[in-house]
Amino acid sequence: IYYYSNTGAWVIATADTVVGASGLLGVAINTSPTTHGMILRGMCCLLTIGGTNDEGIPLYLGETAGTANIAAPGTGKNSRVIGYCLNNTTNQLWFNPDNTWVELA
């Protein structure tokens, strides 16, 4: 999971920083966002989803760079729903990042 930076490059996103959690998010189609492109919204599969996922639950931008998690991040992090789990065996999700995010105190 990446965010589009003010330099015009895709950078790995994380819930640790406001800039990495609040901007335009995308999922790399393959190993390189610049070579293979990005999904801005739609169905895709991630390598892993942190936590015990189940179909239909919301997924959050993870605290580990480039990851999704079923649990909202902790204190001092930035919480943003990025989509919903569709298949917990294949890590398929509906990627549709919410436009809102919250910095957790």
PDB file of N, CA and C in Angstrom:
ATOM      1  N   ILE A   1       0.856  -1.167   0.000  1.00  0.00           N
ATOM      2  CA  ILE A   1       0.000   0.000   0.000  1.00  0.00           C
ATOM      3  C   ILE A   1       0.904   1.232   0.000  1.00  0.00           C
ATOM      4  N   TYR A   2       0.629   2.153  -0.911  1.00  0.00           N
ATOM      5  CA  TYR A   2       1.461   3.337  -1.106  1.00  0.00           C
ATOM      6  C   TYR A   2       0.615   4.606  -1.014  1.00  0.00           C
ATOM      7  N   TYR A   3       1.281   5.734  -0.782  1.00  0.00           N
ATOM      8  CA  TYR A   3       0.626   7.037  -0.910  1.00  0.00           C
ATOM      9  C   TYR A   3       1.363   7.833  -1.977  1.00  0.00           C
ATOM     10  N   TYR A   4       0.633   8.747  -2.603  1.00  0.00           N
ATOM     11  CA  TYR A   4       1.213   9.585  -3.652  1.00  0.00           C
ATOM     12  C   TYR A   4       1.793  10.826  -2.997  1.00  0.00           C
ATOM     13  N   SER A   5       3.098  10.977  -3.063  1.00  0.00           N
ATOM     14  CA  SER A   5       3.769  12.068  -2.346  1.00  0.00           C
ATOM     15  C   SER A   5       3.738  13.366  -3.144  1.00  0.00           C
ATOM     16  N   ASN A   6       4.108  14.457  -2.478  1.00  0.00           N
ATOM     17  CA  ASN A   6       4.131  15.764  -3.133  1.00  0.00           C
ATOM     18  C   ASN A   6       5.267  15.889  -4.143  1.00  0.00           C
ATOM     19  N   THR A   7       6.116  14.875  -4.231  1.00  0.00           N
ATOM     20  CA  THR A   7       7.183  14.866  -5.234  1.00  0.00           C
ATOM     21  C   THR A   7       6.752  14.145  -6.509  1.00  0.00           C
ATOM     22  N   GLY A   8       5.531  13.607  -6.509  1.00  0.00           N
ATOM     23  CA  GLY A   8       5.030  12.890  -7.674  1.00  0.00           C
ATOM     24  C   GLY A   8       5.442  11.435  -7.713  1.00  0.00           C
ATOM     25  N   ALA A   9       5.905  10.904  -6.571  1.00  0.00           N
ATOM     26  CA  ALA A   9       6.330   9.505  -6.497  1.00  0.00           C
ATOM     27  C   ALA A   9       5.419   8.732  -5.548  1.00  0.00           C
ATOM     28  N   TRP A  10       5.295   7.433  -5.786  1.00  0.00           N
ATOM     29  CA  TRP A  10       4.563   6.559  -4.874  1.00  0.00           C
ATOM     30  C   TRP A  10       5.519   6.104  -3.773  1.00  0.00           C
ATOM     31  N   VAL A  11       5.108   6.295  -2.516  1.00  0.00           N
ATOM     32  CA  VAL A  11       5.929   5.972  -1.347  1.00  0.00           C
ATOM     33  C   VAL A  11       5.134   5.018  -0.463  1.00  0.00           C
ATOM     34  N   ILE A  12       5.793   4.041   0.133  1.00  0.00           N
ATOM     35  CA  ILE A  12       5.098   3.081   0.998  1.00  0.00           C
ATOM     36  C   ILE A  12       4.404   3.810   2.139  1.00  0.00           C
ATOM     37  N   ALA A  13       3.121   3.510   2.338  1.00  0.00           N
ATOM     38  CA  ALA A  13       2.289   4.180   3.339  1.00  0.00           C
ATOM     39  C   ALA A  13       2.365   3.470   4.687  1.00  0.00           C
ATOM     40  N   THR A  14       2.154   4.240   5.745  1.00  0.00           N
ATOM     41  CA  THR A  14       2.113   3.709   7.098  1.00  0.00           C
ATOM     42  C   THR A  14       1.237   4.583   7.969  1.00  0.00           C
ATOM     43  N   ALA A  15       0.649   3.986   8.991  1.00  0.00           N
ATOM     44  CA  ALA A  15      -0.176   4.721   9.943  1.00  0.00           C
ATOM     45  C   ALA A  15       0.669   5.554  10.896  1.00  0.00           C
ATOM     46  N   ASP A  16       1.996   5.442  10.806  1.00  0.00           N
ATOM     47  CA  ASP A  16       2.890   6.161  11.711  1.00  0.00           C
ATOM     48  C   ASP A  16       2.981   7.652  11.419  1.00  0.00           C
ATOM     49  N   THR A  17       2.748   8.056  10.175  1.00  0.00           N
ATOM     50  CA  THR A  17       2.890   9.468   9.826  1.00  0.00           C
ATOM     51  C   THR A  17       1.599  10.008   9.221  1.00  0.00           C
ATOM     52  N   VAL A  18       1.341  11.284   9.451  1.00  0.00           N
ATOM     53  CA  VAL A  18       0.151  11.918   8.885  1.00  0.00           C
ATOM     54  C   VAL A  18       0.216  11.904   7.366  1.00  0.00           C
ATOM     55  N   VAL A  19       1.364  12.260   6.799  1.00  0.00           N
ATOM     56  CA  VAL A  19       1.495  12.307   5.343  1.00  0.00           C
ATOM     57  C   VAL A  19       1.301  10.923   4.725  1.00  0.00           C
ATOM     58  N   GLY A  20       1.725   9.874   5.416  1.00  0.00           N
ATOM     59  CA  GLY A  20       1.584   8.521   4.892  1.00  0.00           C
ATOM     60  C   GLY A  20       0.207   7.928   5.067  1.00  0.00           C
ATOM     61  N   ALA A  21      -0.648   8.578   5.855  1.00  0.00           N
ATOM     62  CA  ALA A  21      -1.981   8.046   6.116  1.00  0.00           C
ATOM     63  C   ALA A  21      -3.106   8.912   5.561  1.00  0.00           C
ATOM     64  N   SER A  22      -2.805  10.152   5.223  1.00  0.00           N
ATOM     65  CA  SER A  22      -3.892  11.074   4.889  1.00  0.00           C
ATOM     66  C   SER A  22      -4.074  11.336   3.398  1.00  0.00           C
ATOM     67  N   GLY A  23      -3.114  10.974   2.582  1.00  0.00           N
ATOM     68  CA  GLY A  23      -3.174  11.313   1.169  1.00  0.00           C
ATOM     69  C   GLY A  23      -3.821  10.261   0.301  1.00  0.00           C
ATOM     70  N   LEU A  24      -3.599  10.394  -1.004  1.00  0.00           N
ATOM     71  CA  LEU A  24      -4.099   9.449  -1.991  1.00  0.00           C
ATOM     72  C   LEU A  24      -3.389   8.120  -1.807  1.00  0.00           C
ATOM     73  N   LEU A  25      -4.152   7.038  -1.597  1.00  0.00           N
ATOM     74  CA  LEU A  25      -3.580   5.713  -1.391  1.00  0.00           C
ATOM     75  C   LEU A  25      -3.821   4.837  -2.607  1.00  0.00           C
ATOM     76  N   GLY A  26      -2.924   3.888  -2.812  1.00  0.00           N
ATOM     77  CA  GLY A  26      -3.057   2.920  -3.886  1.00  0.00           C
ATOM     78  C   GLY A  26      -2.359   1.625  -3.524  1.00  0.00           C
ATOM     79  N   VAL A  27      -2.728   0.548  -4.206  1.00  0.00           N
ATOM     80  CA  VAL A  27      -2.089  -0.760  -4.039  1.00  0.00           C
ATOM     81  C   VAL A  27      -1.326  -1.060  -5.311  1.00  0.00           C
ATOM     82  N   ALA A  28      -0.059  -1.442  -5.170  1.00  0.00           N
ATOM     83  CA  ALA A  28       0.754  -1.785  -6.328  1.00  0.00           C
ATOM     84  C   ALA A  28       0.191  -3.029  -7.006  1.00  0.00           C
ATOM     85  N   ILE A  29       0.066  -2.982  -8.314  1.00  0.00           N
ATOM     86  CA  ILE A  29      -0.444  -4.127  -9.072  1.00  0.00           C
ATOM     87  C   ILE A  29       0.549  -5.277  -9.045  1.00  0.00           C
ATOM     88  N   ASN A  30       1.833  -4.965  -9.026  1.00  0.00           N
ATOM     89  CA  ASN A  30       2.867  -5.991  -8.965  1.00  0.00           C
ATOM     90  C   ASN A  30       3.980  -5.467  -8.081  1.00  0.00           C
ATOM     91  N   THR A  31       5.214  -5.707  -8.405  1.00  0.00           N
ATOM     92  CA  THR A  31       6.329  -5.359  -7.524  1.00  0.00           C
ATOM     93  C   THR A  31       6.766  -3.908  -7.597  1.00  0.00           C
ATOM     94  N   SER A  32       6.403  -3.189  -8.631  1.00  0.00           N
ATOM     95  CA  SER A  32       6.838  -1.808  -8.795  1.00  0.00           C
ATOM     96  C   SER A  32       5.670  -0.912  -9.179  1.00  0.00           C
ATOM     97  N   PRO A  33       5.346   0.078  -8.338  1.00  0.00           N
ATOM     98  CA  PRO A  33       4.227   0.961  -8.685  1.00  0.00           C
ATOM     99  C   PRO A  33       4.472   1.774  -9.946  1.00  0.00           C
ATOM    100  N   THR A  34       5.705   2.178 -10.199  1.00  0.00           N
ATOM    101  CA  THR A  34       5.970   2.984 -11.397  1.00  0.00           C
ATOM    102  C   THR A  34       5.973   2.149 -12.666  1.00  0.00           C
ATOM    103  N   THR A  35       6.391   0.903 -12.594  1.00  0.00           N
ATOM    104  CA  THR A  35       6.439   0.036 -13.771  1.00  0.00           C
ATOM    105  C   THR A  35       5.100  -0.624 -14.052  1.00  0.00           C
ATOM    106  N   HIS A  36       4.451  -1.168 -13.013  1.00  0.00           N
ATOM    107  CA  HIS A  36       3.250  -1.978 -13.199  1.00  0.00           C
ATOM    108  C   HIS A  36       1.943  -1.241 -12.931  1.00  0.00           C
ATOM    109  N   GLY A  37       2.001  -0.107 -12.270  1.00  0.00           N
ATOM    110  CA  GLY A  37       0.798   0.663 -12.013  1.00  0.00           C
ATOM    111  C   GLY A  37       0.204   0.418 -10.642  1.00  0.00           C
ATOM    112  N   MET A  38      -0.873   1.154 -10.361  1.00  0.00           N
ATOM    113  CA  MET A  38      -1.517   1.135  -9.051  1.00  0.00           C
ATOM    114  C   MET A  38      -3.022   0.965  -9.188  1.00  0.00           C
ATOM    115  N   ILE A  39      -3.619   0.362  -8.188  1.00  0.00           N
ATOM    116  CA  ILE A  39      -5.072   0.309  -8.063  1.00  0.00           C
ATOM    117  C   ILE A  39      -5.463   1.389  -7.064  1.00  0.00           C
ATOM    118  N   LEU A  40      -6.322   2.298  -7.476  1.00  0.00           N
ATOM    119  CA  LEU A  40      -6.792   3.343  -6.566  1.00  0.00           C
ATOM    120  C   LEU A  40      -8.091   2.952  -5.880  1.00  0.00           C
ATOM    121  N   ARG A  41      -8.842   2.073  -6.526  1.00  0.00           N
ATOM    122  CA  ARG A  41     -10.061   1.534  -5.931  1.00  0.00           C
ATOM    123  C   ARG A  41     -10.439   0.277  -6.689  1.00  0.00           C
ATOM    124  N   GLY A  42     -10.853  -0.754  -5.962  1.00  0.00           N
ATOM    125  CA  GLY A  42     -11.268  -1.992  -6.603  1.00  0.00           C
ATOM    126  C   GLY A  42     -10.848  -3.211  -5.813  1.00  0.00           C
ATOM    127  N   MET A  43     -11.111  -4.374  -6.389  1.00  0.00           N
ATOM    128  CA  MET A  43     -10.756  -5.630  -5.722  1.00  0.00           C
ATOM    129  C   MET A  43      -9.303  -5.972  -6.013  1.00  0.00           C
ATOM    130  N   CYS A  44      -8.618  -6.431  -4.975  1.00  0.00           N
ATOM    131  CA  CYS A  44      -7.228  -6.856  -5.124  1.00  0.00           C
ATOM    132  C   CYS A  44      -6.890  -7.816  -3.994  1.00  0.00           C
ATOM    133  N   CYS A  45      -5.730  -8.417  -4.077  1.00  0.00           N
ATOM    134  CA  CYS A  45      -5.242  -9.318  -3.022  1.00  0.00           C
ATOM    135  C   CYS A  45      -3.939  -8.764  -2.481  1.00  0.00           C
ATOM    136  N   LEU A  46      -3.800  -8.797  -1.174  1.00  0.00           N
ATOM    137  CA  LEU A  46      -2.569  -8.397  -0.522  1.00  0.00           C
ATOM    138  C   LEU A  46      -1.779  -9.637  -0.136  1.00  0.00           C
ATOM    139  N   LEU A  47      -0.500  -9.468   0.055  1.00  0.00           N
ATOM    140  CA  LEU A  47       0.332 -10.581   0.488  1.00  0.00           C
ATOM    141  C   LEU A  47      -0.141 -11.090   1.846  1.00  0.00           C
ATOM    142  N   THR A  48      -0.387 -10.175   2.774  1.00  0.00           N
ATOM    143  CA  THR A  48      -0.904 -10.527   4.100  1.00  0.00           C
ATOM    144  C   THR A  48      -1.833  -9.436   4.590  1.00  0.00           C
ATOM    145  N   ILE A  49      -2.696  -9.823   5.503  1.00  0.00           N
ATOM    146  CA  ILE A  49      -3.530  -8.884   6.247  1.00  0.00           C
ATOM    147  C   ILE A  49      -3.300  -9.204   7.710  1.00  0.00           C
ATOM    148  N   GLY A  50      -2.862  -8.213   8.474  1.00  0.00           N
ATOM    149  CA  GLY A  50      -2.551  -8.437   9.880  1.00  0.00           C
ATOM    150  C   GLY A  50      -3.785  -8.716  10.707  1.00  0.00           C
ATOM    151  N   GLY A  51      -3.678  -9.666  11.633  1.00  0.00           N
ATOM    152  CA  GLY A  51      -4.787 -10.014  12.510  1.00  0.00           C
ATOM    153  C   GLY A  51      -5.580 -11.180  11.956  1.00  0.00           C
ATOM    154  N   THR A  52      -6.610 -11.571  12.686  1.00  0.00           N
ATOM    155  CA  THR A  52      -7.482 -12.658  12.260  1.00  0.00           C
ATOM    156  C   THR A  52      -8.627 -12.052  11.468  1.00  0.00           C
ATOM    157  N   ASN A  53      -8.474 -12.054  10.155  1.00  0.00           N
ATOM    158  CA  ASN A  53      -9.466 -11.388   9.319  1.00  0.00           C
ATOM    159  C   ASN A  53     -10.665 -12.287   9.030  1.00  0.00           C
ATOM    160  N   ASP A  54     -11.763 -11.657   8.713  1.00  0.00           N
ATOM    161  CA  ASP A  54     -12.987 -12.351   8.364  1.00  0.00           C
ATOM    162  C   ASP A  54     -13.727 -11.519   7.327  1.00  0.00           C
ATOM    163  N   GLU A  55     -14.470 -12.172   6.480  1.00  0.00           N
ATOM    164  CA  GLU A  55     -15.163 -11.480   5.406  1.00  0.00           C
ATOM    165  C   GLU A  55     -16.085 -10.385   5.942  1.00  0.00           C
ATOM    166  N   GLY A  56     -16.069  -9.258   5.245  1.00  0.00           N
ATOM    167  CA  GLY A  56     -16.975  -8.163   5.550  1.00  0.00           C
ATOM    168  C   GLY A  56     -16.470  -7.148   6.563  1.00  0.00           C
ATOM    169  N   ILE A  57     -15.358  -7.412   7.236  1.00  0.00           N
ATOM    170  CA  ILE A  57     -14.891  -6.475   8.258  1.00  0.00           C
ATOM    171  C   ILE A  57     -14.025  -5.382   7.625  1.00  0.00           C
ATOM    172  N   PRO A  58     -14.021  -4.198   8.242  1.00  0.00           N
ATOM    173  CA  PRO A  58     -13.172  -3.130   7.708  1.00  0.00           C
ATOM    174  C   PRO A  58     -11.702  -3.421   7.948  1.00  0.00           C
ATOM    175  N   LEU A  59     -10.877  -2.916   7.047  1.00  0.00           N
ATOM    176  CA  LEU A  59      -9.430  -3.037   7.171  1.00  0.00           C
ATOM    177  C   LEU A  59      -8.840  -1.636   7.307  1.00  0.00           C
ATOM    178  N   TYR A  60      -7.799  -1.524   8.122  1.00  0.00           N
ATOM    179  CA  TYR A  60      -7.148  -0.252   8.389  1.00  0.00           C
ATOM    180  C   TYR A  60      -5.745  -0.241   7.811  1.00  0.00           C
ATOM    181  N   LEU A  61      -5.249   0.943   7.502  1.00  0.00           N
ATOM    182  CA  LEU A  61      -3.854   1.087   7.127  1.00  0.00           C
ATOM    183  C   LEU A  61      -3.011   0.651   8.316  1.00  0.00           C
ATOM    184  N   GLY A  62      -2.034  -0.207   8.088  1.00  0.00           N
ATOM    185  CA  GLY A  62      -1.248  -0.785   9.172  1.00  0.00           C
ATOM    186  C   GLY A  62      -0.131   0.110   9.677  1.00  0.00           C
ATOM    187  N   GLU A  63       0.340  -0.216  10.871  1.00  0.00           N
ATOM    188  CA  GLU A  63       1.470   0.490  11.464  1.00  0.00           C
ATOM    189  C   GLU A  63       2.785   0.064  10.828  1.00  0.00           C
ATOM    190  N   THR A  64       2.832  -1.140  10.293  1.00  0.00           N
ATOM    191  CA  THR A  64       3.998  -1.597   9.541  1.00  0.00           C
ATOM    192  C   THR A  64       3.844  -1.089   8.114  1.00  0.00           C
ATOM    193  N   ALA A  65       4.893  -0.527   7.573  1.00  0.00           N
ATOM    194  CA  ALA A  65       4.843   0.105   6.253  1.00  0.00           C
ATOM    195  C   ALA A  65       4.249  -0.803   5.182  1.00  0.00           C
ATOM    196  N   GLY A  66       3.258  -0.275   4.460  1.00  0.00           N
ATOM    197  CA  GLY A  66       2.683  -0.965   3.324  1.00  0.00           C
ATOM    198  C   GLY A  66       1.698  -2.065   3.649  1.00  0.00           C
ATOM    199  N   THR A  67       1.219  -2.145   4.889  1.00  0.00           N
ATOM    200  CA  THR A  67       0.347  -3.255   5.286  1.00  0.00           C
ATOM    201  C   THR A  67      -1.068  -2.802   5.628  1.00  0.00           C
ATOM    202  N   ALA A  68      -1.962  -3.794   5.682  1.00  0.00           N
ATOM    203  CA  ALA A  68      -3.334  -3.609   6.140  1.00  0.00           C
ATOM    204  C   ALA A  68      -3.516  -4.430   7.411  1.00  0.00           C
ATOM    205  N   ASN A  69      -4.427  -3.989   8.268  1.00  0.00           N
ATOM    206  CA  ASN A  69      -4.665  -4.685   9.522  1.00  0.00           C
ATOM    207  C   ASN A  69      -6.149  -4.632   9.851  1.00  0.00           C
ATOM    208  N   ILE A  70      -6.639  -5.639  10.553  1.00  0.00           N
ATOM    209  CA  ILE A  70      -8.048  -5.633  10.944  1.00  0.00           C
ATOM    210  C   ILE A  70      -8.293  -4.744  12.156  1.00  0.00           C
ATOM    211  N   ALA A  71      -7.256  -4.446  12.910  1.00  0.00           N
ATOM    212  CA  ALA A  71      -7.382  -3.596  14.091  1.00  0.00           C
ATOM    213  C   ALA A  71      -6.914  -2.186  13.755  1.00  0.00           C
ATOM    214  N   ALA A  72      -7.619  -1.216  14.313  1.00  0.00           N
ATOM    215  CA  ALA A  72      -7.184   0.170  14.148  1.00  0.00           C
ATOM    216  C   ALA A  72      -5.836   0.353  14.837  1.00  0.00           C
ATOM    217  N   PRO A  73      -4.995   1.233  14.327  1.00  0.00           N
ATOM    218  CA  PRO A  73      -3.694   1.448  14.961  1.00  0.00           C
ATOM    219  C   PRO A  73      -3.836   2.034  16.364  1.00  0.00           C
ATOM    220  N   GLY A  74      -2.757   1.991  17.111  1.00  0.00           N
ATOM    221  CA  GLY A  74      -2.762   2.421  18.503  1.00  0.00           C
ATOM    222  C   GLY A  74      -2.533   3.912  18.700  1.00  0.00           C
ATOM    223  N   THR A  75      -2.360   4.277  19.941  1.00  0.00           N
ATOM    224  CA  THR A  75      -2.150   5.659  20.356  1.00  0.00           C
ATOM    225  C   THR A  75      -0.963   6.285  19.625  1.00  0.00           C
ATOM    226  N   GLY A  76      -1.131   7.535  19.207  1.00  0.00           N
ATOM    227  CA  GLY A  76      -0.076   8.251  18.510  1.00  0.00           C
ATOM    228  C   GLY A  76       0.018   7.923  17.033  1.00  0.00           C
ATOM    229  N   LYS A  77      -0.869   7.090  16.535  1.00  0.00           N
ATOM    230  CA  LYS A  77      -0.873   6.702  15.122  1.00  0.00           C
ATOM    231  C   LYS A  77      -2.053   7.356  14.420  1.00  0.00           C
ATOM    232  N   ASN A  78      -2.170   7.108  13.129  1.00  0.00           N
ATOM    233  CA  ASN A  78      -3.243   7.682  12.316  1.00  0.00           C
ATOM    234  C   ASN A  78      -4.140   6.570  11.800  1.00  0.00           C
ATOM    235  N   SER A  79      -5.414   6.662  12.111  1.00  0.00           N
ATOM    236  CA  SER A  79      -6.367   5.611  11.762  1.00  0.00           C
ATOM    237  C   SER A  79      -7.108   5.976  10.481  1.00  0.00           C
ATOM    238  N   ARG A  80      -7.106   5.026   9.530  1.00  0.00           N
ATOM    239  CA  ARG A  80      -7.828   5.230   8.273  1.00  0.00           C
ATOM    240  C   ARG A  80      -8.319   3.889   7.748  1.00  0.00           C
ATOM    241  N   VAL A  81      -9.614   3.795   7.500  1.00  0.00           N
ATOM    242  CA  VAL A  81     -10.184   2.595   6.886  1.00  0.00           C
ATOM    243  C   VAL A  81      -9.782   2.608   5.415  1.00  0.00           C
ATOM    244  N   ILE A  82      -9.226   1.473   4.947  1.00  0.00           N
ATOM    245  CA  ILE A  82      -8.772   1.413   3.554  1.00  0.00           C
ATOM    246  C   ILE A  82      -9.639   0.503   2.688  1.00  0.00           C
ATOM    247  N   GLY A  83     -10.558  -0.235   3.320  1.00  0.00           N
ATOM    248  CA  GLY A  83     -11.415  -1.130   2.550  1.00  0.00           C
ATOM    249  C   GLY A  83     -12.015  -2.209   3.419  1.00  0.00           C
ATOM    250  N   TYR A  84     -12.467  -3.286   2.778  1.00  0.00           N
ATOM    251  CA  TYR A  84     -13.161  -4.366   3.483  1.00  0.00           C
ATOM    252  C   TYR A  84     -12.661  -5.720   2.996  1.00  0.00           C
ATOM    253  N   CYS A  85     -12.534  -6.654   3.908  1.00  0.00           N
ATOM    254  CA  CYS A  85     -12.084  -8.001   3.587  1.00  0.00           C
ATOM    255  C   CYS A  85     -13.177  -8.733   2.805  1.00  0.00           C
ATOM    256  N   LEU A  86     -12.805  -9.338   1.676  1.00  0.00           N
ATOM    257  CA  LEU A  86     -13.739 -10.117   0.875  1.00  0.00           C
ATOM    258  C   LEU A  86     -13.497 -11.616   1.011  1.00  0.00           C
ATOM    259  N   ASN A  87     -12.229 -12.014   1.175  1.00  0.00           N
ATOM    260  CA  ASN A  87     -11.892 -13.432   1.307  1.00  0.00           C
ATOM    261  C   ASN A  87     -10.679 -13.549   2.214  1.00  0.00           C
ATOM    262  N   ASN A  88     -10.865 -14.176   3.370  1.00  0.00           N
ATOM    263  CA  ASN A  88      -9.767 -14.238   4.332  1.00  0.00           C
ATOM    264  C   ASN A  88      -8.730 -15.304   3.998  1.00  0.00           C
ATOM    265  N   THR A  89      -9.007 -16.180   3.058  1.00  0.00           N
ATOM    266  CA  THR A  89      -8.029 -17.188   2.653  1.00  0.00           C
ATOM    267  C   THR A  89      -7.045 -16.617   1.635  1.00  0.00           C
ATOM    268  N   THR A  90      -7.545 -15.823   0.705  1.00  0.00           N
ATOM    269  CA  THR A  90      -6.701 -15.262  -0.352  1.00  0.00           C
ATOM    270  C   THR A  90      -6.279 -13.817  -0.070  1.00  0.00           C
ATOM    271  N   ASN A  91      -6.689 -13.263   1.077  1.00  0.00           N
ATOM    272  CA  ASN A  91      -6.410 -11.865   1.442  1.00  0.00           C
ATOM    273  C   ASN A  91      -6.966 -10.889   0.414  1.00  0.00           C
ATOM    274  N   GLN A  92      -8.110 -11.252  -0.154  1.00  0.00           N
ATOM    275  CA  GLN A  92      -8.772 -10.383  -1.127  1.00  0.00           C
ATOM    276  C   GLN A  92      -9.546  -9.307  -0.386  1.00  0.00           C
ATOM    277  N   LEU A  93      -9.483  -8.087  -0.903  1.00  0.00           N
ATOM    278  CA  LEU A  93     -10.215  -6.995  -0.283  1.00  0.00           C
ATOM    279  C   LEU A  93     -10.817  -6.088  -1.334  1.00  0.00           C
ATOM    280  N   TRP A  94     -11.824  -5.350  -0.910  1.00  0.00           N
ATOM    281  CA  TRP A  94     -12.358  -4.252  -1.699  1.00  0.00           C
ATOM    282  C   TRP A  94     -11.587  -3.046  -1.216  1.00  0.00           C
ATOM    283  N   PHE A  95     -10.659  -2.548  -2.037  1.00  0.00           N
ATOM    284  CA  PHE A  95      -9.817  -1.412  -1.676  1.00  0.00           C
ATOM    285  C   PHE A  95     -10.551  -0.141  -2.043  1.00  0.00           C
ATOM    286  N   ASN A  96     -10.958   0.607  -1.035  1.00  0.00           N
ATOM    287  CA  ASN A  96     -11.721   1.832  -1.221  1.00  0.00           C
ATOM    288  C   ASN A  96     -11.421   2.743  -0.032  1.00  0.00           C
ATOM    289  N   PRO A  97     -10.228   3.364  -0.002  1.00  0.00           N
ATOM    290  CA  PRO A  97      -9.824   4.150   1.156  1.00  0.00           C
ATOM    291  C   PRO A  97     -10.801   5.274   1.474  1.00  0.00           C
ATOM    292  N   ASP A  98     -11.176   5.349   2.736  1.00  0.00           N
ATOM    293  CA  ASP A  98     -12.033   6.441   3.205  1.00  0.00           C
ATOM    294  C   ASP A  98     -11.271   7.749   3.079  1.00  0.00           C
ATOM    295  N   ASN A  99     -11.975   8.827   2.814  1.00  0.00           N
ATOM    296  CA  ASN A  99     -11.324  10.137   2.694  1.00  0.00           C
ATOM    297  C   ASN A  99     -10.976  10.741   4.051  1.00  0.00           C
ATOM    298  N   THR A 100     -11.515  10.187   5.115  1.00  0.00           N
ATOM    299  CA  THR A 100     -11.231  10.726   6.442  1.00  0.00           C
ATOM    300  C   THR A 100     -10.209   9.866   7.159  1.00  0.00           C
ATOM    301  N   TRP A 101      -9.463  10.487   8.044  1.00  0.00           N
ATOM    302  CA  TRP A 101      -8.482   9.804   8.878  1.00  0.00           C
ATOM    303  C   TRP A 101      -8.461  10.536  10.220  1.00  0.00           C
ATOM    304  N   VAL A 102      -8.028   9.825  11.248  1.00  0.00           N
ATOM    305  CA  VAL A 102      -8.022  10.383  12.596  1.00  0.00           C
ATOM    306  C   VAL A 102      -6.661  10.135  13.229  1.00  0.00           C
ATOM    307  N   GLU A 103      -6.072  11.189  13.774  1.00  0.00           N
ATOM    308  CA  GLU A 103      -4.830  11.025  14.535  1.00  0.00           C
ATOM    309  C   GLU A 103      -5.219  10.660  15.960  1.00  0.00           C
ATOM    310  N   LEU A 104      -4.789   9.476  16.412  1.00  0.00           N
ATOM    311  CA  LEU A 104      -5.178   8.984  17.731  1.00  0.00           C
ATOM    312  C   LEU A 104      -4.276   9.562  18.809  1.00  0.00           C
ATOM    313  N   ALA A 105      -4.898  10.126  19.823  1.00  0.00           N
ATOM    314  CA  ALA A 105      -4.132  10.758  20.907  1.00  0.00           C
ATOM    315  C   ALA A 105      -3.725   9.734  21.946  1.00  0.00           C
TER     316      ALA A 105
END
